[in-house]
């Protein structure tokens, strides 16, 4: 199974990082088109996909997600670019 680590930009220009096995479904959830999504992104719709990485294991993806979440905003923006 493939796991995706992603960054979305919310309508308030904040960045949200997460993991999923189905990026299209997750974006629909974050934007309220399907049930689910995070509590945070519900308040700042719509969200736009800005960055994505693929991993073969959930463990790798979770570690990368935590690493990205700890980065300051300016470094995340460099990663996106």
PDB file of N, CA and C in Angstrom:
ATOM      1  N   UNK A   1       0.841  -1.178   0.000  1.00  0.00           N
ATOM      2  CA  UNK A   1       0.000   0.000   0.000  1.00  0.00           C
ATOM      3  C   UNK A   1       0.890   1.247   0.000  1.00  0.00           C
ATOM      4  N   UNK A   2       0.442   2.268  -0.674  1.00  0.00           N
ATOM      5  CA  UNK A   2       1.171   3.533  -0.725  1.00  0.00           C
ATOM      6  C   UNK A   2       0.542   4.516   0.253  1.00  0.00           C
ATOM      7  N   UNK A   3       1.401   5.217   0.970  1.00  0.00           N
ATOM      8  CA  UNK A   3       0.967   6.258   1.901  1.00  0.00           C
ATOM      9  C   UNK A   3       1.470   7.596   1.386  1.00  0.00           C
ATOM     10  N   UNK A   4       0.641   8.610   1.526  1.00  0.00           N
ATOM     11  CA  UNK A   4       0.977   9.948   1.070  1.00  0.00           C
ATOM     12  C   UNK A   4       1.065  10.897   2.258  1.00  0.00           C
ATOM     13  N   UNK A   5       2.127  11.668   2.287  1.00  0.00           N
ATOM     14  CA  UNK A   5       2.257  12.775   3.234  1.00  0.00           C
ATOM     15  C   UNK A   5       1.980  14.016   2.394  1.00  0.00           C
ATOM     16  N   UNK A   6       1.092  14.868   2.882  1.00  0.00           N
ATOM     17  CA  UNK A   6       0.677  16.006   2.075  1.00  0.00           C
ATOM     18  C   UNK A   6       0.608  17.281   2.907  1.00  0.00           C
ATOM     19  N   UNK A   7       0.678  18.392   2.206  1.00  0.00           N
ATOM     20  CA  UNK A   7       0.467  19.703   2.810  1.00  0.00           C
ATOM     21  C   UNK A   7      -0.621  20.386   1.991  1.00  0.00           C
ATOM     22  N   UNK A   8      -1.633  20.889   2.687  1.00  0.00           N
ATOM     23  CA  UNK A   8      -2.657  21.691   2.035  1.00  0.00           C
ATOM     24  C   UNK A   8      -2.590  23.105   2.590  1.00  0.00           C
ATOM     25  N   UNK A   9      -2.982  24.048   1.757  1.00  0.00           N
ATOM     26  CA  UNK A   9      -3.096  25.429   2.194  1.00  0.00           C
ATOM     27  C   UNK A   9      -4.578  25.725   2.412  1.00  0.00           C
ATOM     28  N   UNK A  10      -4.896  26.227   3.580  1.00  0.00           N
ATOM     29  CA  UNK A  10      -6.278  26.555   3.925  1.00  0.00           C
ATOM     30  C   UNK A  10      -6.633  27.955   3.433  1.00  0.00           C
ATOM     31  N   UNK A  11      -7.909  28.290   3.482  1.00  0.00           N
ATOM     32  CA  UNK A  11      -8.367  29.593   2.987  1.00  0.00           C
ATOM     33  C   UNK A  11      -7.767  30.758   3.758  1.00  0.00           C
ATOM     34  N   UNK A  12      -7.329  30.519   4.998  1.00  0.00           N
ATOM     35  CA  UNK A  12      -6.693  31.584   5.792  1.00  0.00           C
ATOM     36  C   UNK A  12      -5.178  31.616   5.593  1.00  0.00           C
ATOM     37  N   UNK A  13      -4.698  30.860   4.598  1.00  0.00           N
ATOM     38  CA  UNK A  13      -3.277  30.768   4.221  1.00  0.00           C
ATOM     39  C   UNK A  13      -2.439  29.934   5.198  1.00  0.00           C
ATOM     40  N   UNK A  14      -3.068  29.298   6.164  1.00  0.00           N
ATOM     41  CA  UNK A  14      -2.329  28.398   7.045  1.00  0.00           C
ATOM     42  C   UNK A  14      -2.044  27.101   6.302  1.00  0.00           C
ATOM     43  N   UNK A  15      -1.056  26.347   6.798  1.00  0.00           N
ATOM     44  CA  UNK A  15      -0.662  25.078   6.183  1.00  0.00           C
ATOM     45  C   UNK A  15      -1.021  23.936   7.106  1.00  0.00           C
ATOM     46  N   UNK A  16      -1.608  22.890   6.536  1.00  0.00           N
ATOM     47  CA  UNK A  16      -2.004  21.707   7.293  1.00  0.00           C
ATOM     48  C   UNK A  16      -1.290  20.510   6.686  1.00  0.00           C
ATOM     49  N   UNK A  17      -0.671  19.685   7.524  1.00  0.00           N
ATOM     50  CA  UNK A  17       0.057  18.493   7.063  1.00  0.00           C
ATOM     51  C   UNK A  17      -0.651  17.250   7.566  1.00  0.00           C
ATOM     52  N   UNK A  18      -0.749  16.232   6.714  1.00  0.00           N
ATOM     53  CA  UNK A  18      -1.383  14.976   7.110  1.00  0.00           C
ATOM     54  C   UNK A  18      -0.875  13.816   6.283  1.00  0.00           C
ATOM     55  N   UNK A  19      -1.421  12.621   6.587  1.00  0.00           N
ATOM     56  CA  UNK A  19      -1.108  11.427   5.784  1.00  0.00           C
ATOM     57  C   UNK A  19      -2.412  10.752   5.388  1.00  0.00           C
ATOM     58  N   UNK A  20      -2.353  10.002   4.292  1.00  0.00           N
ATOM     59  CA  UNK A  20      -3.516   9.279   3.804  1.00  0.00           C
ATOM     60  C   UNK A  20      -3.061   8.193   2.834  1.00  0.00           C
ATOM     61  N   UNK A  21      -3.950   7.267   2.541  1.00  0.00           N
ATOM     62  CA  UNK A  21      -3.700   6.274   1.497  1.00  0.00           C
ATOM     63  C   UNK A  21      -4.429   6.643   0.206  1.00  0.00           C
ATOM     64  N   UNK A  22      -5.320   7.621   0.281  1.00  0.00           N
ATOM     65  CA  UNK A  22      -6.100   8.052  -0.887  1.00  0.00           C
ATOM     66  C   UNK A  22      -6.188   9.573  -0.874  1.00  0.00           C
ATOM     67  N   UNK A  23      -5.302  10.207  -1.596  1.00  0.00           N
ATOM     68  CA  UNK A  23      -5.204  11.665  -1.560  1.00  0.00           C
ATOM     69  C   UNK A  23      -6.449  12.340  -2.104  1.00  0.00           C
ATOM     70  N   UNK A  24      -7.052  11.797  -3.146  1.00  0.00           N
ATOM     71  CA  UNK A  24      -8.260  12.410  -3.715  1.00  0.00           C
ATOM     72  C   UNK A  24      -9.415  12.376  -2.722  1.00  0.00           C
ATOM     73  N   UNK A  25      -9.611  11.240  -2.073  1.00  0.00           N
ATOM     74  CA  UNK A  25     -10.662  11.121  -1.070  1.00  0.00           C
ATOM     75  C   UNK A  25     -10.419  12.094   0.088  1.00  0.00           C
ATOM     76  N   UNK A  26      -9.167  12.178   0.518  1.00  0.00           N
ATOM     77  CA  UNK A  26      -8.836  13.030   1.665  1.00  0.00           C
ATOM     78  C   UNK A  26      -9.085  14.502   1.347  1.00  0.00           C
ATOM     79  N   UNK A  27      -8.764  14.931   0.140  1.00  0.00           N
ATOM     80  CA  UNK A  27      -9.032  16.313  -0.243  1.00  0.00           C
ATOM     81  C   UNK A  27     -10.532  16.595  -0.275  1.00  0.00           C
ATOM     82  N   UNK A  28     -11.304  15.655  -0.768  1.00  0.00           N
ATOM     83  CA  UNK A  28     -12.768  15.802  -0.748  1.00  0.00           C
ATOM     84  C   UNK A  28     -13.275  15.907   0.683  1.00  0.00           C
ATOM     85  N   UNK A  29     -12.696  15.121   1.595  1.00  0.00           N
ATOM     86  CA  UNK A  29     -13.088  15.192   3.000  1.00  0.00           C
ATOM     87  C   UNK A  29     -12.731  16.558   3.593  1.00  0.00           C
ATOM     88  N   UNK A  30     -11.511  17.000   3.355  1.00  0.00           N
ATOM     89  CA  UNK A  30     -11.087  18.299   3.893  1.00  0.00           C
ATOM     90  C   UNK A  30     -11.962  19.441   3.373  1.00  0.00           C
ATOM     91  N   UNK A  31     -12.453  19.306   2.161  1.00  0.00           N
ATOM     92  CA  UNK A  31     -13.276  20.363   1.577  1.00  0.00           C
ATOM     93  C   UNK A  31     -14.773  20.161   1.815  1.00  0.00           C
ATOM     94  N   UNK A  32     -15.140  19.166   2.600  1.00  0.00           N
ATOM     95  CA  UNK A  32     -16.533  18.975   2.984  1.00  0.00           C
ATOM     96  C   UNK A  32     -17.405  18.274   1.969  1.00  0.00           C
ATOM     97  N   UNK A  33     -16.809  17.717   0.929  1.00  0.00           N
ATOM     98  CA  UNK A  33     -17.583  17.023  -0.090  1.00  0.00           C
ATOM     99  C   UNK A  33     -17.854  15.573   0.282  1.00  0.00           C
ATOM    100  N   UNK A  34     -17.067  15.036   1.198  1.00  0.00           N
ATOM    101  CA  UNK A  34     -17.270  13.715   1.780  1.00  0.00           C
ATOM    102  C   UNK A  34     -17.166  13.855   3.289  1.00  0.00           C
ATOM    103  N   UNK A  35     -17.820  12.945   4.007  1.00  0.00           N
ATOM    104  CA  UNK A  35     -17.741  12.980   5.458  1.00  0.00           C
ATOM    105  C   UNK A  35     -16.315  12.675   5.899  1.00  0.00           C
ATOM    106  N   UNK A  36     -15.867  13.348   6.928  1.00  0.00           N
ATOM    107  CA  UNK A  36     -14.517  13.172   7.438  1.00  0.00           C
ATOM    108  C   UNK A  36     -13.760  14.480   7.351  1.00  0.00           C
ATOM    109  N   UNK A  37     -12.486  14.419   7.326  1.00  0.00           N
ATOM    110  CA  UNK A  37     -11.666  15.627   7.319  1.00  0.00           C
ATOM    111  C   UNK A  37     -11.296  15.995   8.738  1.00  0.00           C
ATOM    112  N   UNK A  38     -10.440  16.951   8.876  1.00  0.00           N
ATOM    113  CA  UNK A  38      -9.991  17.340  10.212  1.00  0.00           C
ATOM    114  C   UNK A  38     -10.850  18.473  10.751  1.00  0.00           C
ATOM    115  N   UNK A  39     -10.893  18.579  12.058  1.00  0.00           N
ATOM    116  CA  UNK A  39     -11.621  19.678  12.688  1.00  0.00           C
ATOM    117  C   UNK A  39     -11.030  21.018  12.264  1.00  0.00           C
ATOM    118  N   UNK A  40      -9.716  21.077  12.159  1.00  0.00           N
ATOM    119  CA  UNK A  40      -9.066  22.329  11.798  1.00  0.00           C
ATOM    120  C   UNK A  40      -9.474  22.796  10.405  1.00  0.00           C
ATOM    121  N   UNK A  41      -9.367  21.916   9.418  1.00  0.00           N
ATOM    122  CA  UNK A  41      -9.627  22.351   8.045  1.00  0.00           C
ATOM    123  C   UNK A  41     -11.103  22.660   7.811  1.00  0.00           C
ATOM    124  N   UNK A  42     -11.998  22.128   8.625  1.00  0.00           N
ATOM    125  CA  UNK A  42     -13.423  22.460   8.477  1.00  0.00           C
ATOM    126  C   UNK A  42     -13.671  23.950   8.627  1.00  0.00           C
ATOM    127  N   UNK A  43     -12.862  24.594   9.439  1.00  0.00           N
ATOM    128  CA  UNK A  43     -13.037  26.023   9.701  1.00  0.00           C
ATOM    129  C   UNK A  43     -12.405  26.908   8.633  1.00  0.00           C
ATOM    130  N   UNK A  44     -11.572  26.320   7.772  1.00  0.00           N
ATOM    131  CA  UNK A  44     -10.809  27.125   6.821  1.00  0.00           C
ATOM    132  C   UNK A  44     -10.872  26.563   5.410  1.00  0.00           C
ATOM    133  N   UNK A  45     -12.057  26.224   4.973  1.00  0.00           N
ATOM    134  CA  UNK A  45     -12.264  25.723   3.615  1.00  0.00           C
ATOM    135  C   UNK A  45     -12.378  26.888   2.651  1.00  0.00           C
ATOM    136  N   UNK A  46     -12.032  26.667   1.393  1.00  0.00           N
ATOM    137  CA  UNK A  46     -11.519  25.430   0.820  1.00  0.00           C
ATOM    138  C   UNK A  46     -10.022  25.277   1.069  1.00  0.00           C
ATOM    139  N   UNK A  47      -9.560  24.038   0.955  1.00  0.00           N
ATOM    140  CA  UNK A  47      -8.133  23.772   1.051  1.00  0.00           C
ATOM    141  C   UNK A  47      -7.624  23.408  -0.341  1.00  0.00           C
ATOM    142  N   UNK A  48      -6.340  23.699  -0.575  1.00  0.00           N
ATOM    143  CA  UNK A  48      -5.713  23.384  -1.862  1.00  0.00           C
ATOM    144  C   UNK A  48      -4.458  22.567  -1.602  1.00  0.00           C
ATOM    145  N   UNK A  49      -4.308  21.489  -2.348  1.00  0.00           N
ATOM    146  CA  UNK A  49      -3.119  20.655  -2.232  1.00  0.00           C
ATOM    147  C   UNK A  49      -1.904  21.427  -2.729  1.00  0.00           C
ATOM    148  N   UNK A  50      -0.856  21.488  -1.890  1.00  0.00           N
ATOM    149  CA  UNK A  50       0.352  22.219  -2.244  1.00  0.00           C
ATOM    150  C   UNK A  50       1.582  21.328  -2.364  1.00  0.00           C
ATOM    151  N   UNK A  51       1.566  20.166  -1.685  1.00  0.00           N
ATOM    152  CA  UNK A  51       2.764  19.327  -1.643  1.00  0.00           C
ATOM    153  C   UNK A  51       2.369  17.897  -1.325  1.00  0.00           C
ATOM    154  N   UNK A  52       3.105  16.942  -1.916  1.00  0.00           N
ATOM    155  CA  UNK A  52       2.822  15.529  -1.667  1.00  0.00           C
ATOM    156  C   UNK A  52       4.101  14.706  -1.795  1.00  0.00           C
ATOM    157  N   UNK A  53       4.242  13.728  -0.925  1.00  0.00           N
ATOM    158  CA  UNK A  53       5.329  12.739  -0.980  1.00  0.00           C
ATOM    159  C   UNK A  53       4.705  11.358  -0.836  1.00  0.00           C
ATOM    160  N   UNK A  54       5.329  10.341  -1.417  1.00  0.00           N
ATOM    161  CA  UNK A  54       4.840   8.964  -1.335  1.00  0.00           C
ATOM    162  C   UNK A  54       5.782   8.113  -0.500  1.00  0.00           C
ATOM    163  N   UNK A  55       5.199   7.191   0.282  1.00  0.00           N
ATOM    164  CA  UNK A  55       5.966   6.251   1.103  1.00  0.00           C
ATOM    165  C   UNK A  55       5.341   4.865   1.010  1.00  0.00           C
ATOM    166  N   UNK A  56       6.185   3.853   1.142  1.00  0.00           N
ATOM    167  CA  UNK A  56       5.717   2.477   1.057  1.00  0.00           C
ATOM    168  C   UNK A  56       5.151   1.950   2.371  1.00  0.00           C
ATOM    169  N   UNK A  57       5.598   2.526   3.493  1.00  0.00           N
ATOM    170  CA  UNK A  57       5.104   2.043   4.788  1.00  0.00           C
ATOM    171  C   UNK A  57       4.466   3.177   5.578  1.00  0.00           C
ATOM    172  N   UNK A  58       3.522   2.809   6.407  1.00  0.00           N
ATOM    173  CA  UNK A  58       2.850   3.781   7.268  1.00  0.00           C
ATOM    174  C   UNK A  58       3.841   4.399   8.248  1.00  0.00           C
ATOM    175  N   UNK A  59       4.760   3.582   8.738  1.00  0.00           N
ATOM    176  CA  UNK A  59       5.759   4.062   9.684  1.00  0.00           C
ATOM    177  C   UNK A  59       6.595   5.187   9.091  1.00  0.00           C
ATOM    178  N   UNK A  60       7.063   5.001   7.864  1.00  0.00           N
ATOM    179  CA  UNK A  60       7.857   6.037   7.191  1.00  0.00           C
ATOM    180  C   UNK A  60       7.040   7.318   7.022  1.00  0.00           C
ATOM    181  N   UNK A  61       5.791   7.154   6.613  1.00  0.00           N
ATOM    182  CA  UNK A  61       4.923   8.306   6.380  1.00  0.00           C
ATOM    183  C   UNK A  61       4.654   9.062   7.677  1.00  0.00           C
ATOM    184  N   UNK A  62       4.397   8.347   8.756  1.00  0.00           N
ATOM    185  CA  UNK A  62       4.139   8.997  10.044  1.00  0.00           C
ATOM    186  C   UNK A  62       5.357   9.762  10.542  1.00  0.00           C
ATOM    187  N   UNK A  63       6.532   9.169  10.368  1.00  0.00           N
ATOM    188  CA  UNK A  63       7.763   9.849  10.779  1.00  0.00           C
ATOM    189  C   UNK A  63       7.962  11.131   9.976  1.00  0.00           C
ATOM    190  N   UNK A  64       7.728  11.064   8.690  1.00  0.00           N
ATOM    191  CA  UNK A  64       7.893  12.244   7.834  1.00  0.00           C
ATOM    192  C   UNK A  64       6.846  13.315   8.173  1.00  0.00           C
ATOM    193  N   UNK A  65       5.617  12.882   8.423  1.00  0.00           N
ATOM    194  CA  UNK A  65       4.570  13.831   8.807  1.00  0.00           C
ATOM    195  C   UNK A  65       4.976  14.598  10.065  1.00  0.00           C
ATOM    196  N   UNK A  66       5.480  13.897  11.067  1.00  0.00           N
ATOM    197  CA  UNK A  66       5.894  14.545  12.313  1.00  0.00           C
ATOM    198  C   UNK A  66       7.056  15.511  12.073  1.00  0.00           C
ATOM    199  N   UNK A  67       7.981  15.105  11.212  1.00  0.00           N
ATOM    200  CA  UNK A  67       9.110  15.977  10.879  1.00  0.00           C
ATOM    201  C   UNK A  67       8.620  17.263  10.230  1.00  0.00           C
ATOM    202  N   UNK A  68       7.718  17.139   9.265  1.00  0.00           N
ATOM    203  CA  UNK A  68       7.198  18.316   8.572  1.00  0.00           C
ATOM    204  C   UNK A  68       6.403  19.201   9.524  1.00  0.00           C
ATOM    205  N   UNK A  69       5.587  18.597  10.378  1.00  0.00           N
ATOM    206  CA  UNK A  69       4.769  19.386  11.306  1.00  0.00           C
ATOM    207  C   UNK A  69       5.627  20.223  12.254  1.00  0.00           C
ATOM    208  N   UNK A  70       6.823  19.773  12.548  1.00  0.00           N
ATOM    209  CA  UNK A  70       7.711  20.501  13.451  1.00  0.00           C
ATOM    210  C   UNK A  70       8.470  21.638  12.764  1.00  0.00           C
ATOM    211  N   UNK A  71       8.446  21.667  11.442  1.00  0.00           N
ATOM    212  CA  UNK A  71       9.166  22.700  10.704  1.00  0.00           C
ATOM    213  C   UNK A  71       8.464  24.051  10.837  1.00  0.00           C
ATOM    214  N   UNK A  72       9.250  25.128  10.868  1.00  0.00           N
ATOM    215  CA  UNK A  72       8.630  26.454  10.843  1.00  0.00           C
ATOM    216  C   UNK A  72       7.986  26.713   9.478  1.00  0.00           C
ATOM    217  N   UNK A  73       7.035  27.621   9.461  1.00  0.00           N
ATOM    218  CA  UNK A  73       6.288  27.918   8.240  1.00  0.00           C
ATOM    219  C   UNK A  73       7.191  28.264   7.061  1.00  0.00           C
ATOM    220  N   UNK A  74       8.214  29.074   7.286  1.00  0.00           N
ATOM    221  CA  UNK A  74       9.064  29.488   6.161  1.00  0.00           C
ATOM    222  C   UNK A  74       9.789  28.303   5.532  1.00  0.00           C
ATOM    223  N   UNK A  75      10.153  27.321   6.322  1.00  0.00           N
ATOM    224  CA  UNK A  75      10.811  26.116   5.782  1.00  0.00           C
ATOM    225  C   UNK A  75       9.784  25.261   5.024  1.00  0.00           C
ATOM    226  N   UNK A  76       8.560  25.182   5.533  1.00  0.00           N
ATOM    227  CA  UNK A  76       7.505  24.456   4.814  1.00  0.00           C
ATOM    228  C   UNK A  76       7.246  25.095   3.448  1.00  0.00           C
ATOM    229  N   UNK A  77       7.263  26.412   3.401  1.00  0.00           N
ATOM    230  CA  UNK A  77       7.057  27.105   2.114  1.00  0.00           C
ATOM    231  C   UNK A  77       8.194  26.807   1.148  1.00  0.00           C
ATOM    232  N   UNK A  78       9.410  26.704   1.637  1.00  0.00           N
ATOM    233  CA  UNK A  78      10.541  26.320   0.781  1.00  0.00           C
ATOM    234  C   UNK A  78      10.367  24.901   0.276  1.00  0.00           C
ATOM    235  N   UNK A  79       9.883  24.009   1.127  1.00  0.00           N
ATOM    236  CA  UNK A  79       9.629  22.623   0.741  1.00  0.00           C
ATOM    237  C   UNK A  79       8.584  22.568  -0.376  1.00  0.00           C
ATOM    238  N   UNK A  80       7.551  23.366  -0.241  1.00  0.00           N
ATOM    239  CA  UNK A  80       6.485  23.415  -1.249  1.00  0.00           C
ATOM    240  C   UNK A  80       7.027  23.915  -2.572  1.00  0.00           C
ATOM    241  N   UNK A  81       7.889  24.920  -2.523  1.00  0.00           N
ATOM    242  CA  UNK A  81       8.445  25.477  -3.761  1.00  0.00           C
ATOM    243  C   UNK A  81       9.390  24.500  -4.389  1.00  0.00           C
TER     244      UNK A  81
END
